[in-house]
Amino acid sequence: MKTRFCDRTEAGQQLARQLRIYANRADSLVLALPRGGVPVAYEIARALNLPLDICLVRKLGDPNNQECAIGAIAENGTRVLNQGVLGWLGITKQVLDEITDQERQELQRRAQVYRGNLPKLTLYDRIVILVDDGLATGATMRAAVMWVQSQQPRQLIVAVPIASQGAYQQLKVQVDRLVCLHIPHRLYAIGLWYDNFAQVTDDQVRTLLSRPVVVVDSFSG
């Protein structure tokens, strides 16, 4: 198996082959972490003939280095913190709360832009495949996992093309199944494992979410 991906589309297609046992199941669905996880998840949903929705979470970034995750927040308010990073950077509670409030507002904006008035898919008693384009610290995915688990799915599968060893080990005990195509000895940055890792735009997310990937979803609405 390749250890480098042309783009998120190819990564999603490769993941879909590892998830074929869930194809055409009325009790299953795919959830994407916007924005980068949406093109990956779209390919999985399309290949498996499953409904696609989004799981809104936001990374909480270091004010001096947005690529450094100090935690993450989900749309229901669930917050996951990287305590070691917080201590090392010396970020105060006041600064942390300010960052959290900013990202909460961004989550509200994205919910309106991406979903509008459309209802969320029902997760209760379903098999949920939660997808992103990679795991670095894993904080964002852990927040997403906590939110999904609060909806009482029957089974939760996380599917990612690439993950750091630390994030993989930490997450695999929190979900029913973790599907990852490559776990390098040293990750460095997720984007280094893609030939094309261009930022995904709001318009691209809306376009992919509006494309039909399954004929009917008997659990929705």
N, C-alpha and C. Protein backbone atom coordinates (compact mmCIF):
# COMPACT_ATOMS: atom_id res chain seq x y z
N MET A 1 0.84 -1.19 0.00
CA MET A 1 0.00 0.00 0.00
C MET A 1 0.89 1.25 0.00
N LYS A 2 0.46 2.26 -0.79
CA LYS A 2 1.22 3.50 -0.84
C LYS A 2 1.25 4.18 0.52
N THR A 3 2.37 4.82 0.81
CA THR A 3 2.48 5.55 2.07
C THR A 3 2.39 7.06 1.83
N ARG A 4 2.06 7.44 0.60
CA ARG A 4 1.88 8.84 0.26
C ARG A 4 0.67 8.93 -0.66
N PHE A 5 -0.08 10.02 -0.55
CA PHE A 5 -1.33 10.14 -1.29
C PHE A 5 -1.25 11.29 -2.28
N CYS A 6 -1.86 11.10 -3.45
CA CYS A 6 -1.91 12.20 -4.42
C CYS A 6 -2.69 13.37 -3.84
N ASP A 7 -3.85 13.07 -3.27
CA ASP A 7 -4.70 14.11 -2.68
C ASP A 7 -5.70 13.43 -1.76
N ARG A 8 -6.63 14.21 -1.22
CA ARG A 8 -7.61 13.66 -0.28
C ARG A 8 -8.57 12.71 -0.98
N THR A 9 -8.83 12.95 -2.25
CA THR A 9 -9.72 12.06 -3.00
C THR A 9 -9.14 10.65 -3.06
N GLU A 10 -7.87 10.54 -3.42
CA GLU A 10 -7.24 9.22 -3.47
C GLU A 10 -7.20 8.58 -2.09
N ALA A 11 -6.93 9.36 -1.06
CA ALA A 11 -6.90 8.83 0.30
C ALA A 11 -8.26 8.24 0.68
N GLY A 12 -9.33 8.95 0.32
CA GLY A 12 -10.67 8.45 0.61
C GLY A 12 -10.98 7.17 -0.14
N GLN A 13 -10.54 7.09 -1.36
CA GLN A 13 -10.78 5.88 -2.16
C GLN A 13 -10.05 4.68 -1.56
N GLN A 14 -8.82 4.90 -1.07
CA GLN A 14 -8.09 3.82 -0.44
C GLN A 14 -8.75 3.39 0.87
N LEU A 15 -9.23 4.34 1.64
CA LEU A 15 -9.92 4.01 2.89
C LEU A 15 -11.20 3.23 2.62
N ALA A 16 -11.91 3.62 1.56
CA ALA A 16 -13.16 2.95 1.23
C ALA A 16 -12.95 1.46 1.00
N ARG A 17 -11.82 1.09 0.42
CA ARG A 17 -11.54 -0.34 0.19
C ARG A 17 -11.35 -1.09 1.49
N GLN A 18 -10.91 -0.39 2.53
CA GLN A 18 -10.74 -1.03 3.84
C GLN A 18 -12.05 -1.10 4.63
N LEU A 19 -13.08 -0.45 4.12
CA LEU A 19 -14.35 -0.35 4.84
C LEU A 19 -15.50 -0.98 4.06
N ARG A 20 -15.18 -1.87 3.15
CA ARG A 20 -16.20 -2.42 2.25
C ARG A 20 -17.30 -3.19 2.98
N ILE A 21 -17.01 -3.70 4.16
CA ILE A 21 -18.03 -4.50 4.87
C ILE A 21 -19.22 -3.63 5.31
N TYR A 22 -19.07 -2.31 5.27
CA TYR A 22 -20.16 -1.42 5.67
C TYR A 22 -20.96 -0.91 4.48
N ALA A 23 -20.64 -1.36 3.28
CA ALA A 23 -21.31 -0.86 2.08
C ALA A 23 -22.79 -1.23 2.08
N ASN A 24 -23.61 -0.29 1.62
CA ASN A 24 -25.04 -0.49 1.39
C ASN A 24 -25.83 -0.86 2.64
N ARG A 25 -25.32 -0.50 3.81
CA ARG A 25 -26.01 -0.81 5.06
C ARG A 25 -26.92 0.36 5.46
N ALA A 26 -28.17 0.07 5.70
CA ALA A 26 -29.14 1.10 6.08
C ALA A 26 -28.89 1.64 7.48
N ASP A 27 -28.09 0.91 8.27
CA ASP A 27 -27.83 1.34 9.64
C ASP A 27 -26.50 2.07 9.79
N SER A 28 -25.88 2.44 8.68
CA SER A 28 -24.55 3.04 8.73
C SER A 28 -24.53 4.40 8.04
N LEU A 29 -23.58 5.25 8.44
CA LEU A 29 -23.41 6.56 7.82
C LEU A 29 -21.97 7.01 8.00
N VAL A 30 -21.61 8.05 7.23
CA VAL A 30 -20.27 8.62 7.27
C VAL A 30 -20.36 10.05 7.78
N LEU A 31 -19.49 10.39 8.75
CA LEU A 31 -19.40 11.75 9.27
C LEU A 31 -18.01 12.31 8.97
N ALA A 32 -17.97 13.52 8.45
CA ALA A 32 -16.70 14.16 8.10
C ALA A 32 -16.37 15.30 9.03
N LEU A 33 -15.09 15.44 9.36
CA LEU A 33 -14.61 16.61 10.09
C LEU A 33 -14.23 17.68 9.07
N PRO A 34 -14.98 18.80 9.02
CA PRO A 34 -14.61 19.87 8.08
C PRO A 34 -13.35 20.59 8.55
N ARG A 35 -12.56 21.13 7.62
CA ARG A 35 -12.94 21.04 6.24
C ARG A 35 -12.20 19.90 5.52
N GLY A 36 -10.97 19.63 5.96
CA GLY A 36 -10.13 18.67 5.24
C GLY A 36 -10.68 17.27 5.18
N GLY A 37 -11.49 16.88 6.15
CA GLY A 37 -12.02 15.52 6.15
C GLY A 37 -13.15 15.29 5.18
N VAL A 38 -13.75 16.38 4.66
CA VAL A 38 -14.93 16.22 3.81
C VAL A 38 -14.61 15.55 2.47
N PRO A 39 -13.57 15.95 1.73
CA PRO A 39 -13.27 15.25 0.48
C PRO A 39 -12.93 13.77 0.70
N VAL A 40 -12.28 13.45 1.80
CA VAL A 40 -11.95 12.06 2.13
C VAL A 40 -13.24 11.28 2.40
N ALA A 41 -14.09 11.85 3.25
CA ALA A 41 -15.33 11.19 3.62
C ALA A 41 -16.29 11.05 2.45
N TYR A 42 -16.30 12.04 1.56
CA TYR A 42 -17.18 11.97 0.40
C TYR A 42 -16.88 10.73 -0.44
N GLU A 43 -15.59 10.46 -0.66
CA GLU A 43 -15.21 9.29 -1.46
C GLU A 43 -15.63 8.00 -0.77
N ILE A 44 -15.53 7.96 0.56
CA ILE A 44 -15.95 6.78 1.30
C ILE A 44 -17.47 6.59 1.18
N ALA A 45 -18.21 7.68 1.41
CA ALA A 45 -19.67 7.59 1.34
C ALA A 45 -20.12 7.20 -0.06
N ARG A 46 -19.48 7.76 -1.08
CA ARG A 46 -19.86 7.45 -2.46
C ARG A 46 -19.58 5.99 -2.79
N ALA A 47 -18.40 5.51 -2.41
CA ALA A 47 -18.03 4.13 -2.74
C ALA A 47 -18.88 3.11 -1.99
N LEU A 48 -19.26 3.44 -0.76
CA LEU A 48 -20.01 2.50 0.07
C LEU A 48 -21.52 2.71 0.00
N ASN A 49 -21.95 3.73 -0.75
CA ASN A 49 -23.37 4.04 -0.87
C ASN A 49 -24.00 4.32 0.50
N LEU A 50 -23.36 5.24 1.25
CA LEU A 50 -23.83 5.60 2.58
C LEU A 50 -24.12 7.09 2.66
N PRO A 51 -25.02 7.50 3.55
CA PRO A 51 -25.28 8.93 3.75
C PRO A 51 -24.05 9.63 4.32
N LEU A 52 -23.93 10.93 4.02
CA LEU A 52 -22.80 11.73 4.46
C LEU A 52 -23.29 12.95 5.22
N ASP A 53 -22.67 13.22 6.36
CA ASP A 53 -22.97 14.43 7.13
C ASP A 53 -21.65 14.93 7.70
N ILE A 54 -21.71 16.04 8.44
CA ILE A 54 -20.51 16.61 9.04
C ILE A 54 -20.57 16.53 10.56
N CYS A 55 -19.41 16.47 11.16
CA CYS A 55 -19.26 16.53 12.61
C CYS A 55 -18.43 17.77 12.89
N LEU A 56 -19.09 18.81 13.42
CA LEU A 56 -18.44 20.10 13.55
C LEU A 56 -17.57 20.16 14.81
N VAL A 57 -16.29 20.25 14.60
CA VAL A 57 -15.32 20.43 15.67
C VAL A 57 -14.29 21.45 15.20
N ARG A 58 -13.62 22.09 16.16
CA ARG A 58 -12.60 23.07 15.82
C ARG A 58 -11.38 22.88 16.70
N LYS A 59 -10.22 22.95 16.07
CA LYS A 59 -8.98 22.93 16.83
C LYS A 59 -8.83 24.22 17.61
N LEU A 60 -8.33 24.12 18.83
CA LEU A 60 -7.94 25.29 19.61
C LEU A 60 -6.45 25.46 19.42
N GLY A 61 -6.05 26.52 18.72
CA GLY A 61 -4.65 26.69 18.37
C GLY A 61 -3.92 27.65 19.29
N ASP A 62 -2.64 27.42 19.43
CA ASP A 62 -1.76 28.34 20.15
C ASP A 62 -1.82 29.70 19.45
N PRO A 63 -2.09 30.78 20.18
CA PRO A 63 -2.18 32.10 19.53
C PRO A 63 -0.94 32.48 18.75
N ASN A 64 0.22 31.97 19.13
CA ASN A 64 1.46 32.30 18.45
C ASN A 64 1.84 31.29 17.37
N ASN A 65 1.08 30.20 17.29
CA ASN A 65 1.36 29.17 16.28
C ASN A 65 0.10 28.35 16.10
N GLN A 66 -0.72 28.77 15.14
CA GLN A 66 -2.03 28.14 14.97
C GLN A 66 -1.95 26.66 14.59
N GLU A 67 -0.81 26.23 14.09
CA GLU A 67 -0.66 24.82 13.74
C GLU A 67 -0.48 23.95 14.98
N CYS A 68 -0.15 24.57 16.11
CA CYS A 68 0.05 23.83 17.35
C CYS A 68 -1.27 23.73 18.10
N ALA A 69 -1.80 22.51 18.22
CA ALA A 69 -3.11 22.31 18.86
C ALA A 69 -2.96 22.24 20.37
N ILE A 70 -3.69 23.13 21.04
CA ILE A 70 -3.74 23.04 22.50
C ILE A 70 -5.01 22.34 22.95
N GLY A 71 -5.87 22.02 22.00
CA GLY A 71 -7.10 21.31 22.32
C GLY A 71 -8.07 21.40 21.17
N ALA A 72 -9.34 21.10 21.45
CA ALA A 72 -10.38 21.16 20.42
C ALA A 72 -11.73 21.28 21.10
N ILE A 73 -12.70 21.77 20.33
CA ILE A 73 -14.06 21.93 20.85
C ILE A 73 -15.04 21.40 19.82
N ALA A 74 -16.11 20.73 20.28
CA ALA A 74 -17.16 20.23 19.41
C ALA A 74 -18.37 21.14 19.49
N GLU A 75 -19.31 20.95 18.55
CA GLU A 75 -20.44 21.87 18.46
C GLU A 75 -21.37 21.79 19.66
N ASN A 76 -21.31 20.72 20.44
CA ASN A 76 -22.15 20.64 21.64
C ASN A 76 -21.45 21.21 22.87
N GLY A 77 -20.24 21.79 22.68
CA GLY A 77 -19.51 22.39 23.79
C GLY A 77 -18.44 21.49 24.38
N THR A 78 -18.41 20.23 23.97
CA THR A 78 -17.36 19.32 24.46
C THR A 78 -15.99 19.88 24.14
N ARG A 79 -15.12 19.93 25.15
CA ARG A 79 -13.78 20.47 24.94
C ARG A 79 -12.73 19.47 25.40
N VAL A 80 -11.74 19.24 24.55
CA VAL A 80 -10.62 18.37 24.84
C VAL A 80 -9.37 19.23 24.88
N LEU A 81 -8.54 19.06 25.91
CA LEU A 81 -7.34 19.88 26.06
C LEU A 81 -6.08 19.02 26.08
N ASN A 82 -5.04 19.51 25.45
CA ASN A 82 -3.72 18.89 25.53
C ASN A 82 -2.99 19.53 26.71
N GLN A 83 -3.17 18.94 27.89
CA GLN A 83 -2.67 19.57 29.11
C GLN A 83 -1.17 19.78 29.09
N GLY A 84 -0.43 18.82 28.53
CA GLY A 84 1.01 18.97 28.47
C GLY A 84 1.44 20.16 27.64
N VAL A 85 0.76 20.37 26.50
CA VAL A 85 1.08 21.50 25.63
C VAL A 85 0.70 22.81 26.31
N LEU A 86 -0.46 22.81 26.97
CA LEU A 86 -0.90 24.02 27.68
C LEU A 86 0.13 24.45 28.73
N GLY A 87 0.60 23.47 29.50
CA GLY A 87 1.58 23.78 30.53
C GLY A 87 2.89 24.24 29.96
N TRP A 88 3.32 23.61 28.89
CA TRP A 88 4.59 23.96 28.26
C TRP A 88 4.55 25.37 27.69
N LEU A 89 3.40 25.77 27.11
CA LEU A 89 3.27 27.09 26.52
C LEU A 89 2.91 28.16 27.55
N GLY A 90 2.46 27.74 28.72
CA GLY A 90 2.10 28.69 29.76
C GLY A 90 0.84 29.48 29.45
N ILE A 91 -0.10 28.85 28.78
CA ILE A 91 -1.35 29.54 28.40
C ILE A 91 -2.28 29.61 29.61
N THR A 92 -2.75 30.81 29.92
CA THR A 92 -3.60 31.01 31.09
C THR A 92 -5.04 30.61 30.79
N LYS A 93 -5.82 30.44 31.85
CA LYS A 93 -7.24 30.10 31.69
C LYS A 93 -7.97 31.19 30.92
N GLN A 94 -7.63 32.45 31.17
CA GLN A 94 -8.29 33.54 30.47
C GLN A 94 -8.05 33.46 28.97
N VAL A 95 -6.79 33.25 28.57
CA VAL A 95 -6.47 33.14 27.15
C VAL A 95 -7.15 31.92 26.55
N LEU A 96 -7.15 30.81 27.28
CA LEU A 96 -7.79 29.59 26.79
C LEU A 96 -9.28 29.82 26.56
N ASP A 97 -9.94 30.49 27.50
CA ASP A 97 -11.37 30.76 27.36
C ASP A 97 -11.65 31.70 26.18
N GLU A 98 -10.76 32.66 25.94
CA GLU A 98 -10.93 33.56 24.80
C GLU A 98 -10.81 32.80 23.48
N ILE A 99 -9.83 31.92 23.40
CA ILE A 99 -9.66 31.10 22.20
C ILE A 99 -10.89 30.22 21.99
N THR A 100 -11.38 29.62 23.08
CA THR A 100 -12.55 28.75 22.99
C THR A 100 -13.77 29.51 22.50
N ASP A 101 -13.98 30.71 23.00
CA ASP A 101 -15.13 31.52 22.57
C ASP A 101 -15.04 31.87 21.09
N GLN A 102 -13.84 32.20 20.62
CA GLN A 102 -13.65 32.51 19.20
C GLN A 102 -13.99 31.30 18.32
N GLU A 103 -13.51 30.14 18.73
CA GLU A 103 -13.75 28.95 17.93
C GLU A 103 -15.20 28.49 18.02
N ARG A 104 -15.85 28.75 19.14
CA ARG A 104 -17.27 28.43 19.26
C ARG A 104 -18.09 29.26 18.26
N GLN A 105 -17.72 30.52 18.11
CA GLN A 105 -18.40 31.37 17.13
C GLN A 105 -18.17 30.86 15.71
N GLU A 106 -16.95 30.39 15.43
CA GLU A 106 -16.65 29.84 14.11
C GLU A 106 -17.45 28.57 13.86
N LEU A 107 -17.63 27.75 14.90
CA LEU A 107 -18.46 26.55 14.76
C LEU A 107 -19.89 26.93 14.39
N GLN A 108 -20.42 27.95 15.02
CA GLN A 108 -21.79 28.38 14.73
C GLN A 108 -21.90 28.89 13.29
N ARG A 109 -20.87 29.60 12.85
CA ARG A 109 -20.87 30.09 11.46
C ARG A 109 -20.85 28.92 10.48
N ARG A 110 -19.98 27.95 10.75
CA ARG A 110 -19.86 26.81 9.85
C ARG A 110 -21.14 25.98 9.83
N ALA A 111 -21.78 25.84 10.97
CA ALA A 111 -23.03 25.08 11.01
C ALA A 111 -24.06 25.69 10.07
N GLN A 112 -24.14 27.02 10.06
CA GLN A 112 -25.09 27.69 9.18
C GLN A 112 -24.67 27.59 7.72
N VAL A 113 -23.37 27.78 7.46
CA VAL A 113 -22.88 27.76 6.09
C VAL A 113 -22.98 26.37 5.48
N TYR A 114 -22.59 25.35 6.23
CA TYR A 114 -22.52 24.00 5.68
C TYR A 114 -23.86 23.28 5.70
N ARG A 115 -24.60 23.45 6.78
CA ARG A 115 -25.82 22.65 6.94
C ARG A 115 -27.08 23.46 6.72
N GLY A 116 -27.04 24.76 7.02
CA GLY A 116 -28.22 25.58 6.87
C GLY A 116 -29.35 25.08 7.75
N ASN A 117 -30.50 24.90 7.16
CA ASN A 117 -31.67 24.41 7.90
C ASN A 117 -31.88 22.91 7.76
N LEU A 118 -30.94 22.24 7.10
CA LEU A 118 -31.08 20.79 6.93
C LEU A 118 -30.90 20.09 8.28
N PRO A 119 -31.67 19.05 8.55
CA PRO A 119 -31.54 18.34 9.83
C PRO A 119 -30.27 17.50 9.86
N LYS A 120 -29.73 17.31 11.05
CA LYS A 120 -28.60 16.41 11.22
C LYS A 120 -29.08 14.96 11.06
N LEU A 121 -28.19 14.11 10.59
CA LEU A 121 -28.52 12.69 10.54
C LEU A 121 -28.57 12.13 11.96
N THR A 122 -29.46 11.19 12.17
CA THR A 122 -29.58 10.54 13.47
C THR A 122 -28.44 9.55 13.67
N LEU A 123 -27.75 9.65 14.82
CA LEU A 123 -26.63 8.76 15.11
C LEU A 123 -27.00 7.63 16.05
N TYR A 124 -28.10 7.78 16.75
CA TYR A 124 -28.48 6.78 17.77
C TYR A 124 -28.64 5.39 17.14
N ASP A 125 -27.96 4.41 17.75
CA ASP A 125 -28.04 3.00 17.35
C ASP A 125 -27.59 2.76 15.91
N ARG A 126 -26.71 3.61 15.41
CA ARG A 126 -26.20 3.43 14.06
C ARG A 126 -24.70 3.15 14.09
N ILE A 127 -24.19 2.63 13.00
CA ILE A 127 -22.75 2.47 12.81
C ILE A 127 -22.24 3.76 12.18
N VAL A 128 -21.38 4.46 12.89
CA VAL A 128 -20.89 5.77 12.45
C VAL A 128 -19.42 5.64 12.05
N ILE A 129 -19.11 6.06 10.83
CA ILE A 129 -17.73 6.09 10.35
C ILE A 129 -17.29 7.55 10.35
N LEU A 130 -16.39 7.88 11.27
CA LEU A 130 -15.95 9.26 11.49
C LEU A 130 -14.61 9.46 10.77
N VAL A 131 -14.53 10.49 9.92
CA VAL A 131 -13.42 10.60 8.97
C VAL A 131 -12.74 11.96 9.04
N ASP A 132 -11.41 11.95 8.99
CA ASP A 132 -10.63 13.17 8.81
C ASP A 132 -9.48 12.86 7.85
N ASP A 133 -8.73 13.91 7.46
CA ASP A 133 -7.64 13.68 6.51
C ASP A 133 -6.33 13.31 7.18
N GLY A 134 -6.31 13.22 8.51
CA GLY A 134 -5.12 12.79 9.23
C GLY A 134 -5.21 13.16 10.70
N LEU A 135 -4.39 12.51 11.50
CA LEU A 135 -4.32 12.77 12.94
C LEU A 135 -2.90 13.18 13.30
N ALA A 136 -2.75 14.38 13.83
CA ALA A 136 -1.45 14.82 14.33
C ALA A 136 -1.43 14.63 15.85
N THR A 137 -1.98 15.58 16.58
CA THR A 137 -2.12 15.37 18.03
C THR A 137 -3.34 14.53 18.34
N GLY A 138 -4.34 14.57 17.45
CA GLY A 138 -5.56 13.80 17.67
C GLY A 138 -6.60 14.52 18.51
N ALA A 139 -6.32 15.74 18.96
CA ALA A 139 -7.24 16.46 19.84
C ALA A 139 -8.58 16.71 19.18
N THR A 140 -8.56 17.14 17.92
CA THR A 140 -9.81 17.43 17.23
C THR A 140 -10.65 16.18 17.08
N MET A 141 -10.02 15.08 16.72
CA MET A 141 -10.76 13.83 16.57
C MET A 141 -11.29 13.34 17.91
N ARG A 142 -10.54 13.51 18.98
CA ARG A 142 -11.02 13.07 20.30
C ARG A 142 -12.26 13.85 20.71
N ALA A 143 -12.30 15.16 20.39
CA ALA A 143 -13.50 15.95 20.67
C ALA A 143 -14.67 15.44 19.84
N ALA A 144 -14.41 15.11 18.59
CA ALA A 144 -15.46 14.57 17.73
C ALA A 144 -15.96 13.23 18.26
N VAL A 145 -15.04 12.38 18.70
CA VAL A 145 -15.42 11.07 19.25
C VAL A 145 -16.31 11.24 20.47
N MET A 146 -15.96 12.15 21.35
CA MET A 146 -16.76 12.37 22.55
C MET A 146 -18.17 12.84 22.19
N TRP A 147 -18.26 13.72 21.19
CA TRP A 147 -19.58 14.20 20.78
C TRP A 147 -20.41 13.07 20.18
N VAL A 148 -19.80 12.30 19.28
CA VAL A 148 -20.54 11.19 18.65
C VAL A 148 -20.97 10.17 19.70
N GLN A 149 -20.09 9.84 20.62
CA GLN A 149 -20.44 8.87 21.64
C GLN A 149 -21.59 9.34 22.52
N SER A 150 -21.74 10.66 22.69
CA SER A 150 -22.86 11.18 23.47
C SER A 150 -24.20 10.94 22.78
N GLN A 151 -24.15 10.64 21.47
CA GLN A 151 -25.37 10.36 20.71
C GLN A 151 -25.73 8.87 20.71
N GLN A 152 -24.93 8.07 21.41
CA GLN A 152 -25.18 6.63 21.60
C GLN A 152 -25.27 5.84 20.29
N PRO A 153 -24.23 5.91 19.47
CA PRO A 153 -24.23 5.05 18.29
C PRO A 153 -24.04 3.60 18.68
N ARG A 154 -24.41 2.70 17.80
CA ARG A 154 -24.19 1.28 18.05
C ARG A 154 -22.71 0.95 17.97
N GLN A 155 -22.04 1.55 17.01
CA GLN A 155 -20.61 1.30 16.81
C GLN A 155 -19.97 2.55 16.23
N LEU A 156 -18.76 2.86 16.67
CA LEU A 156 -18.04 4.03 16.17
C LEU A 156 -16.71 3.60 15.58
N ILE A 157 -16.56 3.88 14.29
CA ILE A 157 -15.32 3.59 13.57
C ILE A 157 -14.67 4.91 13.17
N VAL A 158 -13.42 5.09 13.45
CA VAL A 158 -12.66 6.25 12.98
C VAL A 158 -11.80 5.79 11.80
N ALA A 159 -11.84 6.56 10.71
CA ALA A 159 -11.07 6.21 9.51
C ALA A 159 -10.25 7.41 9.07
N VAL A 160 -8.94 7.24 8.99
CA VAL A 160 -8.04 8.31 8.57
C VAL A 160 -6.94 7.73 7.69
N PRO A 161 -6.42 8.51 6.75
CA PRO A 161 -5.34 8.02 5.90
C PRO A 161 -4.00 7.91 6.64
N ILE A 162 -3.76 8.84 7.56
CA ILE A 162 -2.44 8.96 8.18
C ILE A 162 -2.60 9.39 9.63
N ALA A 163 -1.72 8.91 10.51
CA ALA A 163 -1.79 9.29 11.93
C ALA A 163 -0.42 9.19 12.56
N SER A 164 -0.18 10.06 13.52
CA SER A 164 1.03 9.93 14.32
C SER A 164 0.87 8.73 15.24
N GLN A 165 1.98 8.16 15.66
CA GLN A 165 1.92 6.98 16.53
C GLN A 165 1.22 7.31 17.84
N GLY A 166 1.50 8.48 18.40
CA GLY A 166 0.89 8.86 19.66
C GLY A 166 -0.61 9.00 19.56
N ALA A 167 -1.09 9.70 18.51
CA ALA A 167 -2.52 9.88 18.33
C ALA A 167 -3.21 8.55 18.08
N TYR A 168 -2.58 7.70 17.29
CA TYR A 168 -3.15 6.39 16.99
C TYR A 168 -3.32 5.56 18.26
N GLN A 169 -2.28 5.48 19.07
CA GLN A 169 -2.33 4.67 20.29
C GLN A 169 -3.36 5.21 21.27
N GLN A 170 -3.47 6.52 21.36
CA GLN A 170 -4.41 7.12 22.30
C GLN A 170 -5.85 6.93 21.86
N LEU A 171 -6.08 7.02 20.55
CA LEU A 171 -7.46 6.98 20.05
C LEU A 171 -8.01 5.57 19.92
N LYS A 172 -7.15 4.61 19.61
CA LYS A 172 -7.66 3.27 19.30
C LYS A 172 -8.38 2.61 20.47
N VAL A 173 -8.09 3.03 21.70
CA VAL A 173 -8.77 2.46 22.85
C VAL A 173 -10.07 3.18 23.17
N GLN A 174 -10.36 4.25 22.43
CA GLN A 174 -11.55 5.05 22.70
C GLN A 174 -12.69 4.76 21.73
N VAL A 175 -12.41 4.00 20.67
CA VAL A 175 -13.43 3.72 19.66
C VAL A 175 -13.50 2.22 19.41
N ASP A 176 -14.52 1.80 18.70
CA ASP A 176 -14.70 0.38 18.42
C ASP A 176 -13.70 -0.12 17.37
N ARG A 177 -13.36 0.74 16.43
CA ARG A 177 -12.39 0.35 15.40
C ARG A 177 -11.72 1.60 14.87
N LEU A 178 -10.41 1.50 14.68
CA LEU A 178 -9.65 2.61 14.10
C LEU A 178 -8.95 2.09 12.85
N VAL A 179 -9.34 2.64 11.70
CA VAL A 179 -8.77 2.25 10.41
C VAL A 179 -7.82 3.36 9.97
N CYS A 180 -6.55 3.02 9.83
CA CYS A 180 -5.54 4.00 9.42
C CYS A 180 -4.62 3.33 8.41
N LEU A 181 -4.39 4.01 7.30
CA LEU A 181 -3.60 3.42 6.22
C LEU A 181 -2.10 3.47 6.47
N HIS A 182 -1.66 4.46 7.24
CA HIS A 182 -0.21 4.60 7.44
C HIS A 182 0.07 5.30 8.76
N ILE A 183 0.97 4.72 9.56
CA ILE A 183 1.38 5.30 10.84
C ILE A 183 2.90 5.43 10.80
N PRO A 184 3.41 6.55 10.32
CA PRO A 184 4.86 6.69 10.17
C PRO A 184 5.56 6.78 11.52
N HIS A 185 6.84 6.47 11.49
CA HIS A 185 7.64 6.57 12.70
C HIS A 185 7.67 8.01 13.19
N ARG A 186 7.78 8.94 12.25
CA ARG A 186 7.73 10.37 12.56
C ARG A 186 6.80 11.04 11.56
N LEU A 187 5.77 11.68 12.06
CA LEU A 187 4.77 12.28 11.18
C LEU A 187 5.22 13.64 10.65
N TYR A 188 5.79 14.46 11.52
CA TYR A 188 6.15 15.85 11.20
C TYR A 188 4.90 16.70 10.93
N ALA A 189 4.28 16.54 9.77
CA ALA A 189 3.05 17.28 9.46
C ALA A 189 2.22 16.45 8.49
N ILE A 190 0.91 16.50 8.65
CA ILE A 190 0.03 15.70 7.81
C ILE A 190 0.21 16.04 6.34
N GLY A 191 0.33 17.33 6.04
CA GLY A 191 0.42 17.76 4.64
C GLY A 191 1.61 17.20 3.89
N LEU A 192 2.66 16.80 4.60
CA LEU A 192 3.85 16.24 3.95
C LEU A 192 3.57 14.89 3.31
N TRP A 193 2.47 14.25 3.67
CA TRP A 193 2.14 12.92 3.16
C TRP A 193 1.17 12.96 1.99
N TYR A 194 0.90 14.19 1.50
CA TYR A 194 0.05 14.39 0.33
C TYR A 194 0.82 15.19 -0.72
N ASP A 195 0.68 14.80 -1.99
CA ASP A 195 1.25 15.62 -3.06
C ASP A 195 0.48 16.93 -3.18
N ASN A 196 -0.84 16.86 -3.02
CA ASN A 196 -1.69 18.05 -3.06
C ASN A 196 -2.46 18.12 -1.76
N PHE A 197 -2.11 19.10 -0.93
CA PHE A 197 -2.79 19.28 0.36
C PHE A 197 -3.33 20.70 0.46
N ALA A 198 -3.89 21.16 -0.66
CA ALA A 198 -4.44 22.52 -0.69
C ALA A 198 -5.58 22.65 0.32
N GLN A 199 -5.72 23.84 0.88
CA GLN A 199 -6.78 24.07 1.85
C GLN A 199 -8.14 23.87 1.20
N VAL A 200 -9.03 23.20 1.89
CA VAL A 200 -10.39 22.99 1.42
C VAL A 200 -11.21 24.22 1.80
N THR A 201 -11.98 24.73 0.85
CA THR A 201 -12.75 25.94 1.07
C THR A 201 -14.18 25.62 1.53
N ASP A 202 -14.85 26.64 2.06
CA ASP A 202 -16.26 26.49 2.43
C ASP A 202 -17.09 26.08 1.22
N ASP A 203 -16.81 26.68 0.07
CA ASP A 203 -17.57 26.35 -1.14
C ASP A 203 -17.40 24.89 -1.53
N GLN A 204 -16.17 24.38 -1.40
CA GLN A 204 -15.94 22.97 -1.72
C GLN A 204 -16.70 22.06 -0.76
N VAL A 205 -16.71 22.43 0.51
CA VAL A 205 -17.45 21.64 1.49
C VAL A 205 -18.93 21.61 1.14
N ARG A 206 -19.51 22.77 0.86
CA ARG A 206 -20.93 22.85 0.51
C ARG A 206 -21.23 22.04 -0.73
N THR A 207 -20.34 22.11 -1.73
CA THR A 207 -20.56 21.37 -2.97
C THR A 207 -20.58 19.87 -2.72
N LEU A 208 -19.62 19.38 -1.96
CA LEU A 208 -19.54 17.94 -1.70
C LEU A 208 -20.72 17.46 -0.86
N LEU A 209 -21.12 18.26 0.11
CA LEU A 209 -22.24 17.86 0.96
C LEU A 209 -23.56 17.88 0.20
N SER A 210 -23.63 18.68 -0.85
CA SER A 210 -24.88 18.77 -1.62
C SER A 210 -24.99 17.69 -2.69
N ARG A 211 -23.89 17.02 -2.98
CA ARG A 211 -23.93 15.95 -3.99
C ARG A 211 -24.57 14.70 -3.41
N PRO A 212 -25.48 14.08 -4.15
CA PRO A 212 -26.08 12.84 -3.62
C PRO A 212 -25.06 11.70 -3.62
N VAL A 213 -24.96 11.02 -2.49
CA VAL A 213 -24.07 9.87 -2.40
C VAL A 213 -24.85 8.59 -2.11
N VAL A 214 -26.13 8.72 -1.75
CA VAL A 214 -26.95 7.56 -1.44
C VAL A 214 -28.38 7.90 -1.81
N VAL A 215 -29.10 6.90 -2.28
CA VAL A 215 -30.45 7.14 -2.78
C VAL A 215 -31.41 7.53 -1.67
N VAL A 216 -31.36 6.82 -0.56
CA VAL A 216 -32.30 7.10 0.52
C VAL A 216 -31.63 6.83 1.86
N ASP A 217 -31.96 7.62 2.84
CA ASP A 217 -31.47 7.42 4.21
C ASP A 217 -32.69 7.23 5.11
N SER A 218 -33.01 6.02 5.45
CA SER A 218 -34.23 5.73 6.18
C SER A 218 -34.17 6.18 7.63
N PHE A 219 -32.97 6.60 8.11
CA PHE A 219 -32.82 7.00 9.51
C PHE A 219 -32.88 8.51 9.67
N SER A 220 -32.86 9.28 8.59
CA SER A 220 -32.73 10.73 8.72
C SER A 220 -34.06 11.38 9.05
N GLY A 221 -33.91 12.60 9.60
CA GLY A 221 -35.04 13.47 9.80
C GLY A 221 -35.95 13.10 10.90
